PDB file of all heavy atoms in Angstrom:
ATOM      1  N   SER A   1      10.030 -62.681 -56.825  1.00  0.00           N
ATOM      2  CA  SER A   1      11.028 -63.598 -56.296  1.00  0.00           C
ATOM      3  C   SER A   1      12.202 -62.805 -55.742  1.00  0.00           C
ATOM      4  O   SER A   1      12.194 -61.582 -55.760  1.00  0.00           O
ATOM      5  CB  SER A   1      11.492 -64.566 -57.391  1.00  0.00           C
ATOM      6  OG  SER A   1      12.248 -63.859 -58.335  1.00  0.00           O
ATOM      7  N   ARG A   2      13.224 -63.480 -55.326  1.00  0.00           N
ATOM      8  CA  ARG A   2      14.356 -62.808 -54.715  1.00  0.00           C
ATOM      9  C   ARG A   2      15.415 -62.401 -55.729  1.00  0.00           C
ATOM     10  O   ARG A   2      16.521 -62.088 -55.385  1.00  0.00           O
ATOM     11  CB  ARG A   2      14.953 -63.705 -53.639  1.00  0.00           C
ATOM     12  CG  ARG A   2      13.962 -63.984 -52.526  1.00  0.00           C
ATOM     13  CD  ARG A   2      14.552 -64.747 -51.393  1.00  0.00           C
ATOM     14  NE  ARG A   2      15.504 -63.975 -50.603  1.00  0.00           N
ATOM     15  CZ  ARG A   2      15.188 -63.129 -49.646  1.00  0.00           C
ATOM     16  NH1 ARG A   2      13.914 -62.908 -49.369  1.00  0.00           N
ATOM     17  NH2 ARG A   2      16.119 -62.510 -48.965  1.00  0.00           N
ATOM     18  N   SER A   3      15.069 -62.396 -57.012  1.00  0.00           N
ATOM     19  CA  SER A   3      16.016 -61.942 -58.024  1.00  0.00           C
ATOM     20  C   SER A   3      15.525 -60.619 -58.612  1.00  0.00           C
ATOM     21  O   SER A   3      14.383 -60.237 -58.439  1.00  0.00           O
ATOM     22  CB  SER A   3      16.188 -62.989 -59.124  1.00  0.00           C
ATOM     23  OG  SER A   3      14.994 -63.116 -59.856  1.00  0.00           O
ATOM     24  N   TYR A   4      16.398 -59.937 -59.307  1.00  0.00           N
ATOM     25  CA  TYR A   4      16.038 -58.672 -59.906  1.00  0.00           C
ATOM     26  C   TYR A   4      15.283 -58.917 -61.208  1.00  0.00           C
ATOM     27  O   TYR A   4      15.716 -59.715 -62.055  1.00  0.00           O
ATOM     28  CB  TYR A   4      17.280 -57.823 -60.161  1.00  0.00           C
ATOM     29  CG  TYR A   4      17.959 -57.393 -58.900  1.00  0.00           C
ATOM     30  CD1 TYR A   4      19.038 -58.086 -58.381  1.00  0.00           C
ATOM     31  CD2 TYR A   4      17.493 -56.278 -58.204  1.00  0.00           C
ATOM     32  CE1 TYR A   4      19.638 -57.675 -57.196  1.00  0.00           C
ATOM     33  CE2 TYR A   4      18.088 -55.868 -57.028  1.00  0.00           C
ATOM     34  CZ  TYR A   4      19.167 -56.568 -56.532  1.00  0.00           C
ATOM     35  OH  TYR A   4      19.745 -56.165 -55.368  1.00  0.00           O
ATOM     36  N   LYS A   5      14.213 -58.195 -61.413  1.00  0.00           N
ATOM     37  CA  LYS A   5      13.357 -58.354 -62.586  1.00  0.00           C
ATOM     38  C   LYS A   5      14.138 -58.118 -63.876  1.00  0.00           C
ATOM     39  O   LYS A   5      13.945 -58.822 -64.861  1.00  0.00           O
ATOM     40  CB  LYS A   5      12.186 -57.393 -62.477  1.00  0.00           C
ATOM     41  CG  LYS A   5      11.142 -57.539 -63.532  1.00  0.00           C
ATOM     42  CD  LYS A   5       9.999 -56.584 -63.239  1.00  0.00           C
ATOM     43  CE  LYS A   5       8.900 -56.655 -64.234  1.00  0.00           C
ATOM     44  NZ  LYS A   5       7.841 -55.704 -63.937  1.00  0.00           N
ATOM     45  N   THR A   6      15.026 -57.125 -63.876  1.00  0.00           N
ATOM     46  CA  THR A   6      15.719 -56.754 -65.110  1.00  0.00           C
ATOM     47  C   THR A   6      16.683 -57.824 -65.623  1.00  0.00           C
ATOM     48  O   THR A   6      17.020 -57.821 -66.796  1.00  0.00           O
ATOM     49  CB  THR A   6      16.523 -55.453 -64.893  1.00  0.00           C
ATOM     50  OG1 THR A   6      17.391 -55.624 -63.793  1.00  0.00           O
ATOM     51  CG2 THR A   6      15.606 -54.285 -64.686  1.00  0.00           C
ATOM     52  N   ILE A   7      17.101 -58.749 -64.775  1.00  0.00           N
ATOM     53  CA  ILE A   7      18.034 -59.775 -65.229  1.00  0.00           C
ATOM     54  C   ILE A   7      17.384 -61.131 -65.434  1.00  0.00           C
ATOM     55  O   ILE A   7      18.052 -62.090 -65.801  1.00  0.00           O
ATOM     56  CB  ILE A   7      19.245 -59.885 -64.277  1.00  0.00           C
ATOM     57  CG1 ILE A   7      18.797 -60.235 -62.870  1.00  0.00           C
ATOM     58  CG2 ILE A   7      20.086 -58.632 -64.304  1.00  0.00           C
ATOM     59  CD1 ILE A   7      19.931 -60.529 -61.922  1.00  0.00           C
ATOM     60  N   ARG A   8      16.072 -61.204 -65.254  1.00  0.00           N
ATOM     61  CA  ARG A   8      15.368 -62.460 -65.510  1.00  0.00           C
ATOM     62  C   ARG A   8      15.292 -62.706 -67.012  1.00  0.00           C
ATOM     63  O   ARG A   8      15.102 -61.792 -67.791  1.00  0.00           O
ATOM     64  CB  ARG A   8      13.943 -62.385 -64.953  1.00  0.00           C
ATOM     65  CG  ARG A   8      13.942 -62.403 -63.462  1.00  0.00           C
ATOM     66  CD  ARG A   8      12.559 -62.665 -62.924  1.00  0.00           C
ATOM     67  NE  ARG A   8      12.598 -62.393 -61.502  1.00  0.00           N
ATOM     68  CZ  ARG A   8      11.714 -61.640 -60.880  1.00  0.00           C
ATOM     69  NH1 ARG A   8      10.695 -61.123 -61.534  1.00  0.00           N
ATOM     70  NH2 ARG A   8      11.830 -61.430 -59.593  1.00  0.00           N
ATOM     71  N   PRO A   9      15.435 -63.952 -67.441  1.00  0.00           N
ATOM     72  CA  PRO A   9      15.384 -64.245 -68.874  1.00  0.00           C
ATOM     73  C   PRO A   9      13.971 -64.136 -69.415  1.00  0.00           C
ATOM     74  O   PRO A   9      12.994 -64.459 -68.739  1.00  0.00           O
ATOM     75  CB  PRO A   9      15.900 -65.680 -68.964  1.00  0.00           C
ATOM     76  CG  PRO A   9      15.718 -66.257 -67.609  1.00  0.00           C
ATOM     77  CD  PRO A   9      15.742 -65.131 -66.622  1.00  0.00           C
ATOM     78  N   MET A  10      13.874 -63.650 -70.647  1.00  0.00           N
ATOM     79  CA  MET A  10      12.584 -63.506 -71.331  1.00  0.00           C
ATOM     80  C   MET A  10      12.809 -63.937 -72.775  1.00  0.00           C
ATOM     81  O   MET A  10      13.772 -63.495 -73.421  1.00  0.00           O
ATOM     82  CB  MET A  10      12.145 -62.059 -71.272  1.00  0.00           C
ATOM     83  CG  MET A  10      10.810 -61.798 -71.940  1.00  0.00           C
ATOM     84  SD  MET A  10      10.287 -60.066 -71.765  1.00  0.00           S
ATOM     85  CE  MET A  10      10.577 -59.505 -73.421  1.00  0.00           C
ATOM     86  N   PRO A  11      11.958 -64.787 -73.312  1.00  0.00           N
ATOM     87  CA  PRO A  11      12.158 -65.218 -74.702  1.00  0.00           C
ATOM     88  C   PRO A  11      11.871 -64.066 -75.667  1.00  0.00           C
ATOM     89  O   PRO A  11      10.960 -63.265 -75.457  1.00  0.00           O
ATOM     90  CB  PRO A  11      11.136 -66.363 -74.886  1.00  0.00           C
ATOM     91  CG  PRO A  11      10.169 -66.198 -73.786  1.00  0.00           C
ATOM     92  CD  PRO A  11      10.828 -65.449 -72.681  1.00  0.00           C
ATOM     93  N   GLY A  12      12.671 -63.982 -76.694  1.00  0.00           N
ATOM     94  CA  GLY A  12      12.486 -62.948 -77.699  1.00  0.00           C
ATOM     95  C   GLY A  12      13.626 -62.925 -78.700  1.00  0.00           C
ATOM     96  O   GLY A  12      14.496 -63.801 -78.691  1.00  0.00           O
ATOM     97  N   THR A  13      13.613 -61.903 -79.530  1.00  0.00           N
ATOM     98  CA  THR A  13      14.628 -61.770 -80.587  1.00  0.00           C
ATOM     99  C   THR A  13      15.393 -60.472 -80.392  1.00  0.00           C
ATOM    100  O   THR A  13      14.797 -59.415 -80.227  1.00  0.00           O
ATOM    101  CB  THR A  13      13.945 -61.768 -81.967  1.00  0.00           C
ATOM    102  OG1 THR A  13      13.194 -62.976 -82.097  1.00  0.00           O
ATOM    103  CG2 THR A  13      14.971 -61.709 -83.077  1.00  0.00           C
ATOM    104  N   ILE A  14      16.705 -60.583 -80.432  1.00  0.00           N
ATOM    105  CA  ILE A  14      17.579 -59.406 -80.413  1.00  0.00           C
ATOM    106  C   ILE A  14      18.526 -59.532 -81.594  1.00  0.00           C
ATOM    107  O   ILE A  14      19.242 -60.533 -81.715  1.00  0.00           O
ATOM    108  CB  ILE A  14      18.388 -59.296 -79.080  1.00  0.00           C
ATOM    109  CG1 ILE A  14      17.453 -59.104 -77.893  1.00  0.00           C
ATOM    110  CG2 ILE A  14      19.389 -58.146 -79.168  1.00  0.00           C
ATOM    111  CD1 ILE A  14      18.152 -59.025 -76.545  1.00  0.00           C
ATOM    112  N   ASN A  15      18.502 -58.548 -82.460  1.00  0.00           N
ATOM    113  CA  ASN A  15      19.347 -58.516 -83.672  1.00  0.00           C
ATOM    114  C   ASN A  15      19.224 -59.782 -84.490  1.00  0.00           C
ATOM    115  O   ASN A  15      20.212 -60.355 -84.951  1.00  0.00           O
ATOM    116  CB  ASN A  15      20.818 -58.268 -83.290  1.00  0.00           C
ATOM    117  CG  ASN A  15      21.027 -56.887 -82.735  1.00  0.00           C
ATOM    118  OD1 ASN A  15      20.283 -55.959 -83.040  1.00  0.00           O
ATOM    119  ND2 ASN A  15      22.046 -56.743 -81.911  1.00  0.00           N
ATOM    120  N   GLY A  16      18.004 -60.268 -84.652  1.00  0.00           N
ATOM    121  CA  GLY A  16      17.731 -61.446 -85.465  1.00  0.00           C
ATOM    122  C   GLY A  16      18.034 -62.780 -84.798  1.00  0.00           C
ATOM    123  O   GLY A  16      17.801 -63.820 -85.396  1.00  0.00           O
ATOM    124  N   GLU A  17      18.495 -62.768 -83.583  1.00  0.00           N
ATOM    125  CA  GLU A  17      18.782 -64.013 -82.864  1.00  0.00           C
ATOM    126  C   GLU A  17      17.707 -64.255 -81.827  1.00  0.00           C
ATOM    127  O   GLU A  17      17.461 -63.412 -80.973  1.00  0.00           O
ATOM    128  CB  GLU A  17      20.154 -63.910 -82.186  1.00  0.00           C
ATOM    129  CG  GLU A  17      20.544 -65.162 -81.435  1.00  0.00           C
ATOM    130  CD  GLU A  17      21.875 -65.025 -80.731  1.00  0.00           C
ATOM    131  OE1 GLU A  17      22.749 -64.291 -81.199  1.00  0.00           O
ATOM    132  OE2 GLU A  17      22.029 -65.656 -79.663  1.00  0.00           O
ATOM    133  N   TYR A  18      17.050 -65.421 -81.925  1.00  0.00           N
ATOM    134  CA  TYR A  18      16.003 -65.775 -80.980  1.00  0.00           C
ATOM    135  C   TYR A  18      16.633 -66.508 -79.811  1.00  0.00           C
ATOM    136  O   TYR A  18      17.524 -67.334 -79.967  1.00  0.00           O
ATOM    137  CB  TYR A  18      14.936 -66.650 -81.623  1.00  0.00           C
ATOM    138  CG  TYR A  18      13.834 -67.017 -80.666  1.00  0.00           C
ATOM    139  CD1 TYR A  18      12.806 -66.111 -80.391  1.00  0.00           C
ATOM    140  CD2 TYR A  18      13.843 -68.227 -79.998  1.00  0.00           C
ATOM    141  CE1 TYR A  18      11.805 -66.424 -79.475  1.00  0.00           C
ATOM    142  CE2 TYR A  18      12.848 -68.558 -79.082  1.00  0.00           C
ATOM    143  CZ  TYR A  18      11.835 -67.650 -78.842  1.00  0.00           C
ATOM    144  OH  TYR A  18      10.858 -67.941 -77.923  1.00  0.00           O
ATOM    145  N   GLY A  19      16.149 -66.197 -78.615  1.00  0.00           N
ATOM    146  CA  GLY A  19      16.635 -66.882 -77.427  1.00  0.00           C
ATOM    147  C   GLY A  19      15.981 -66.330 -76.185  1.00  0.00           C
ATOM    148  O   GLY A  19      15.049 -65.522 -76.255  1.00  0.00           O
ATOM    149  N   LYS A  20      16.474 -66.750 -75.047  1.00  0.00           N
ATOM    150  CA  LYS A  20      16.024 -66.197 -73.744  1.00  0.00           C
ATOM    151  C   LYS A  20      17.131 -65.283 -73.266  1.00  0.00           C
ATOM    152  O   LYS A  20      18.205 -65.750 -72.891  1.00  0.00           O
ATOM    153  CB  LYS A  20      15.783 -67.330 -72.740  1.00  0.00           C
ATOM    154  CG  LYS A  20      14.435 -67.984 -72.881  1.00  0.00           C
ATOM    155  CD  LYS A  20      14.180 -68.865 -71.675  1.00  0.00           C
ATOM    156  CE  LYS A  20      12.681 -69.093 -71.573  1.00  0.00           C
ATOM    157  NZ  LYS A  20      12.320 -69.715 -70.332  1.00  0.00           N
ATOM    158  N   PHE A  21      16.837 -63.984 -73.280  1.00  0.00           N
ATOM    159  CA  PHE A  21      17.810 -62.982 -72.885  1.00  0.00           C
ATOM    160  C   PHE A  21      17.326 -62.283 -71.625  1.00  0.00           C
ATOM    161  O   PHE A  21      16.109 -62.154 -71.410  1.00  0.00           O
ATOM    162  CB  PHE A  21      17.985 -61.933 -73.985  1.00  0.00           C
ATOM    163  CG  PHE A  21      18.434 -62.495 -75.298  1.00  0.00           C
ATOM    164  CD1 PHE A  21      17.537 -62.698 -76.323  1.00  0.00           C
ATOM    165  CD2 PHE A  21      19.777 -62.812 -75.504  1.00  0.00           C
ATOM    166  CE1 PHE A  21      17.946 -63.220 -77.544  1.00  0.00           C
ATOM    167  CE2 PHE A  21      20.199 -63.332 -76.714  1.00  0.00           C
ATOM    168  CZ  PHE A  21      19.296 -63.532 -77.745  1.00  0.00           C
ATOM    169  N   PRO A  22      18.237 -61.773 -70.810  1.00  0.00           N
ATOM    170  CA  PRO A  22      17.811 -60.948 -69.663  1.00  0.00           C
ATOM    171  C   PRO A  22      16.967 -59.779 -70.176  1.00  0.00           C
ATOM    172  O   PRO A  22      17.289 -59.181 -71.221  1.00  0.00           O
ATOM    173  CB  PRO A  22      19.118 -60.481 -69.042  1.00  0.00           C
ATOM    174  CG  PRO A  22      20.116 -61.524 -69.432  1.00  0.00           C
ATOM    175  CD  PRO A  22      19.693 -61.967 -70.814  1.00  0.00           C
ATOM    176  N   ILE A  23      15.915 -59.432 -69.455  1.00  0.00           N
ATOM    177  CA  ILE A  23      14.986 -58.382 -69.879  1.00  0.00           C
ATOM    178  C   ILE A  23      15.703 -57.083 -70.222  1.00  0.00           C
ATOM    179  O   ILE A  23      15.375 -56.421 -71.202  1.00  0.00           O
ATOM    180  CB  ILE A  23      13.928 -58.142 -68.791  1.00  0.00           C
ATOM    181  CG1 ILE A  23      12.972 -59.337 -68.733  1.00  0.00           C
ATOM    182  CG2 ILE A  23      13.142 -56.869 -69.025  1.00  0.00           C
ATOM    183  CD1 ILE A  23      11.965 -59.293 -67.600  1.00  0.00           C
ATOM    184  N   ILE A  24      16.732 -56.710 -69.488  1.00  0.00           N
ATOM    185  CA  ILE A  24      17.411 -55.465 -69.708  1.00  0.00           C
ATOM    186  C   ILE A  24      18.099 -55.391 -71.062  1.00  0.00           C
ATOM    187  O   ILE A  24      18.237 -54.315 -71.647  1.00  0.00           O
ATOM    188  CB  ILE A  24      18.405 -55.142 -68.578  1.00  0.00           C
ATOM    189  CG1 ILE A  24      18.839 -53.680 -68.674  1.00  0.00           C
ATOM    190  CG2 ILE A  24      19.592 -56.109 -68.602  1.00  0.00           C
ATOM    191  CD1 ILE A  24      19.569 -53.168 -67.479  1.00  0.00           C
ATOM    192  N   LEU A  25      18.502 -56.512 -71.634  1.00  0.00           N
ATOM    193  CA  LEU A  25      19.201 -56.491 -72.920  1.00  0.00           C
ATOM    194  C   LEU A  25      18.325 -55.972 -74.054  1.00  0.00           C
ATOM    195  O   LEU A  25      18.831 -55.360 -74.994  1.00  0.00           O
ATOM    196  CB  LEU A  25      19.756 -57.872 -73.257  1.00  0.00           C
ATOM    197  CG  LEU A  25      20.885 -58.380 -72.387  1.00  0.00           C
ATOM    198  CD1 LEU A  25      21.416 -59.715 -72.903  1.00  0.00           C
ATOM    199  CD2 LEU A  25      22.005 -57.363 -72.262  1.00  0.00           C
ATOM    200  N   TYR A  26      17.022 -56.191 -73.985  1.00  0.00           N
ATOM    201  CA  TYR A  26      16.123 -55.686 -75.027  1.00  0.00           C
ATOM    202  C   TYR A  26      16.156 -54.162 -75.023  1.00  0.00           C
ATOM    203  O   TYR A  26      16.219 -53.531 -76.083  1.00  0.00           O
ATOM    204  CB  TYR A  26      14.700 -56.197 -74.791  1.00  0.00           C
ATOM    205  CG  TYR A  26      14.590 -57.694 -74.919  1.00  0.00           C
ATOM    206  CD1 TYR A  26      14.665 -58.507 -73.793  1.00  0.00           C
ATOM    207  CD2 TYR A  26      14.422 -58.304 -76.162  1.00  0.00           C
ATOM    208  CE1 TYR A  26      14.582 -59.887 -73.895  1.00  0.00           C
ATOM    209  CE2 TYR A  26      14.322 -59.691 -76.281  1.00  0.00           C
ATOM    210  CZ  TYR A  26      14.408 -60.479 -75.140  1.00  0.00           C
ATOM    211  OH  TYR A  26      14.324 -61.833 -75.258  1.00  0.00           O
ATOM    212  N   LEU A  27      16.103 -53.559 -73.842  1.00  0.00           N
ATOM    213  CA  LEU A  27      16.150 -52.107 -73.742  1.00  0.00           C
ATOM    214  C   LEU A  27      17.516 -51.575 -74.151  1.00  0.00           C
ATOM    215  O   LEU A  27      17.610 -50.596 -74.905  1.00  0.00           O
ATOM    216  CB  LEU A  27      15.840 -51.659 -72.310  1.00  0.00           C
ATOM    217  CG  LEU A  27      16.020 -50.166 -72.061  1.00  0.00           C
ATOM    218  CD1 LEU A  27      14.971 -49.369 -72.817  1.00  0.00           C
ATOM    219  CD2 LEU A  27      15.996 -49.865 -70.600  1.00  0.00           C
ATOM    220  N   LEU A  28      18.590 -52.189 -73.684  1.00  0.00           N
ATOM    221  CA  LEU A  28      19.932 -51.707 -74.016  1.00  0.00           C
ATOM    222  C   LEU A  28      20.204 -51.772 -75.510  1.00  0.00           C
ATOM    223  O   LEU A  28      20.799 -50.850 -76.093  1.00  0.00           O
ATOM    224  CB  LEU A  28      20.983 -52.479 -73.245  1.00  0.00           C
ATOM    225  CG  LEU A  28      20.930 -52.350 -71.729  1.00  0.00           C
ATOM    226  CD1 LEU A  28      21.985 -53.219 -71.079  1.00  0.00           C
ATOM    227  CD2 LEU A  28      21.062 -50.907 -71.299  1.00  0.00           C
ATOM    228  N   ASN A  29      19.729 -52.816 -76.180  1.00  0.00           N
ATOM    229  CA  ASN A  29      19.868 -52.912 -77.636  1.00  0.00           C
ATOM    230  C   ASN A  29      19.124 -51.760 -78.327  1.00  0.00           C
ATOM    231  O   ASN A  29      19.607 -51.194 -79.302  1.00  0.00           O
ATOM    232  CB  ASN A  29      19.349 -54.268 -78.117  1.00  0.00           C
ATOM    233  CG  ASN A  29      19.592 -54.482 -79.593  1.00  0.00           C
ATOM    234  OD1 ASN A  29      20.702 -54.273 -80.089  1.00  0.00           O
ATOM    235  ND2 ASN A  29      18.564 -54.897 -80.294  1.00  0.00           N
ATOM    236  N   THR A  30      17.981 -51.415 -77.796  1.00  0.00           N
ATOM    237  CA  THR A  30      17.210 -50.293 -78.326  1.00  0.00           C
ATOM    238  C   THR A  30      17.972 -48.973 -78.132  1.00  0.00           C
ATOM    239  O   THR A  30      18.035 -48.148 -79.026  1.00  0.00           O
ATOM    240  CB  THR A  30      15.838 -50.204 -77.629  1.00  0.00           C
ATOM    241  OG1 THR A  30      15.103 -51.373 -77.966  1.00  0.00           O
ATOM    242  CG2 THR A  30      15.067 -48.974 -78.046  1.00  0.00           C
ATOM    243  N   LEU A  31      18.534 -48.780 -76.957  1.00  0.00           N
ATOM    244  CA  LEU A  31      19.241 -47.540 -76.661  1.00  0.00           C
ATOM    245  C   LEU A  31      20.427 -47.311 -77.587  1.00  0.00           C
ATOM    246  O   LEU A  31      20.650 -46.179 -78.041  1.00  0.00           O
ATOM    247  CB  LEU A  31      19.691 -47.497 -75.207  1.00  0.00           C
ATOM    248  CG  LEU A  31      18.600 -47.407 -74.154  1.00  0.00           C
ATOM    249  CD1 LEU A  31      19.188 -47.497 -72.756  1.00  0.00           C
ATOM    250  CD2 LEU A  31      17.786 -46.138 -74.324  1.00  0.00           C
ATOM    251  N   ILE A  32      21.212 -48.352 -77.882  1.00  0.00           N
ATOM    252  CA  ILE A  32      22.363 -48.128 -78.741  1.00  0.00           C
ATOM    253  C   ILE A  32      21.974 -47.881 -80.190  1.00  0.00           C
ATOM    254  O   ILE A  32      22.756 -47.358 -80.957  1.00  0.00           O
ATOM    255  CB  ILE A  32      23.392 -49.288 -78.641  1.00  0.00           C
ATOM    256  CG1 ILE A  32      22.814 -50.598 -79.123  1.00  0.00           C
ATOM    257  CG2 ILE A  32      23.946 -49.397 -77.239  1.00  0.00           C
ATOM    258  CD1 ILE A  32      23.831 -51.721 -79.233  1.00  0.00           C
ATOM    259  N   LYS A  33      20.737 -48.220 -80.553  1.00  0.00           N
ATOM    260  CA  LYS A  33      20.257 -47.944 -81.921  1.00  0.00           C
ATOM    261  C   LYS A  33      19.677 -46.546 -82.068  1.00  0.00           C
ATOM    262  O   LYS A  33      19.344 -46.132 -83.164  1.00  0.00           O
ATOM    263  CB  LYS A  33      19.199 -48.980 -82.312  1.00  0.00           C
ATOM    264  CG  LYS A  33      19.770 -50.369 -82.500  1.00  0.00           C
ATOM    265  CD  LYS A  33      18.680 -51.344 -82.858  1.00  0.00           C
ATOM    266  CE  LYS A  33      19.272 -52.723 -83.107  1.00  0.00           C
ATOM    267  NZ  LYS A  33      18.225 -53.703 -83.412  1.00  0.00           N
ATOM    268  N   SER A  34      19.534 -45.839 -80.973  1.00  0.00           N
ATOM    269  CA  SER A  34      18.898 -44.526 -80.995  1.00  0.00           C
ATOM    270  C   SER A  34      19.975 -43.424 -81.086  1.00  0.00           C
ATOM    271  O   SER A  34      20.808 -43.306 -80.192  1.00  0.00           O
ATOM    272  CB  SER A  34      18.081 -44.336 -79.722  1.00  0.00           C
ATOM    273  OG  SER A  34      17.524 -43.063 -79.693  1.00  0.00           O
ATOM    274  N   PRO A  35      19.922 -42.606 -82.138  1.00  0.00           N
ATOM    275  CA  PRO A  35      20.926 -41.556 -82.296  1.00  0.00           C
ATOM    276  C   PRO A  35      20.870 -40.461 -81.218  1.00  0.00           C
ATOM    277  O   PRO A  35      21.838 -39.765 -80.980  1.00  0.00           O
ATOM    278  CB  PRO A  35      20.641 -40.934 -83.658  1.00  0.00           C
ATOM    279  CG  PRO A  35      19.560 -41.720 -84.266  1.00  0.00           C
ATOM    280  CD  PRO A  35      19.026 -42.694 -83.265  1.00  0.00           C
ATOM    281  N   SER A  36      19.735 -40.343 -80.528  1.00  0.00           N
ATOM    282  CA  SER A  36      19.603 -39.295 -79.515  1.00  0.00           C
ATOM    283  C   SER A  36      20.173 -39.725 -78.157  1.00  0.00           C
ATOM    284  O   SER A  36      20.233 -38.929 -77.241  1.00  0.00           O
ATOM    285  CB  SER A  36      18.159 -38.876 -79.347  1.00  0.00           C
ATOM    286  OG  SER A  36      17.399 -39.940 -78.842  1.00  0.00           O
ATOM    287  N   VAL A  37      20.619 -40.976 -78.048  1.00  0.00           N
ATOM    288  CA  VAL A  37      21.174 -41.466 -76.790  1.00  0.00           C
ATOM    289  C   VAL A  37      22.692 -41.385 -76.834  1.00  0.00           C
ATOM    290  O   VAL A  37      23.316 -41.914 -77.740  1.00  0.00           O
ATOM    291  CB  VAL A  37      20.715 -42.924 -76.531  1.00  0.00           C
ATOM    292  CG1 VAL A  37      21.426 -43.512 -75.335  1.00  0.00           C
ATOM    293  CG2 VAL A  37      19.205 -42.970 -76.332  1.00  0.00           C
ATOM    294  N   GLY A  38      23.233 -40.689 -75.826  1.00  0.00           N
ATOM    295  CA  GLY A  38      24.682 -40.559 -75.724  1.00  0.00           C
ATOM    296  C   GLY A  38      25.245 -41.563 -74.724  1.00  0.00           C
ATOM    297  O   GLY A  38      25.051 -42.767 -74.831  1.00  0.00           O
ATOM    298  N   LYS A  39      25.890 -41.043 -73.703  1.00  0.00           N
ATOM    299  CA  LYS A  39      26.485 -41.860 -72.648  1.00  0.00           C
ATOM    300  C   LYS A  39      25.372 -42.621 -71.935  1.00  0.00           C
ATOM    301  O   LYS A  39      24.319 -42.076 -71.647  1.00  0.00           O
ATOM    302  CB  LYS A  39      27.202 -40.946 -71.677  1.00  0.00           C
ATOM    303  CG  LYS A  39      27.869 -41.620 -70.517  1.00  0.00           C
ATOM    304  CD  LYS A  39      28.478 -40.593 -69.591  1.00  0.00           C
ATOM    305  CE  LYS A  39      29.960 -40.741 -69.586  1.00  0.00           C
ATOM    306  NZ  LYS A  39      30.621 -39.790 -68.722  1.00  0.00           N
ATOM    307  N   ILE A  40      25.617 -43.917 -71.625  1.00  0.00           N
ATOM    308  CA  ILE A  40      24.602 -44.750 -70.956  1.00  0.00           C
ATOM    309  C   ILE A  40      25.159 -45.284 -69.641  1.00  0.00           C
ATOM    310  O   ILE A  40      26.135 -46.015 -69.640  1.00  0.00           O
ATOM    311  CB  ILE A  40      24.160 -45.908 -71.860  1.00  0.00           C
ATOM    312  CG1 ILE A  40      23.620 -45.386 -73.187  1.00  0.00           C
ATOM    313  CG2 ILE A  40      23.124 -46.783 -71.149  1.00  0.00           C
ATOM    314  CD1 ILE A  40      23.395 -46.445 -74.248  1.00  0.00           C
ATOM    315  N   ILE A  41      24.511 -44.885 -68.549  1.00  0.00           N
ATOM    316  CA  ILE A  41      24.877 -45.343 -67.224  1.00  0.00           C
ATOM    317  C   ILE A  41      23.780 -46.283 -66.739  1.00  0.00           C
ATOM    318  O   ILE A  41      22.607 -45.908 -66.731  1.00  0.00           O
ATOM    319  CB  ILE A  41      25.012 -44.157 -66.224  1.00  0.00           C
ATOM    320  CG1 ILE A  41      26.006 -43.121 -66.740  1.00  0.00           C
ATOM    321  CG2 ILE A  41      25.368 -44.665 -64.830  1.00  0.00           C
ATOM    322  CD1 ILE A  41      27.423 -43.607 -66.865  1.00  0.00           C
TER     323      ILE A  41
END
């Protein structure tokens, strides 16, 4: 479609909360939990 894939909502759980979140939020939540990840652009 004419929207960006990363911002499309996808059902799932982030930090124990179930809902429809943009796809990118699942990855970003993972990145902040990883000690090997520093600055995130």
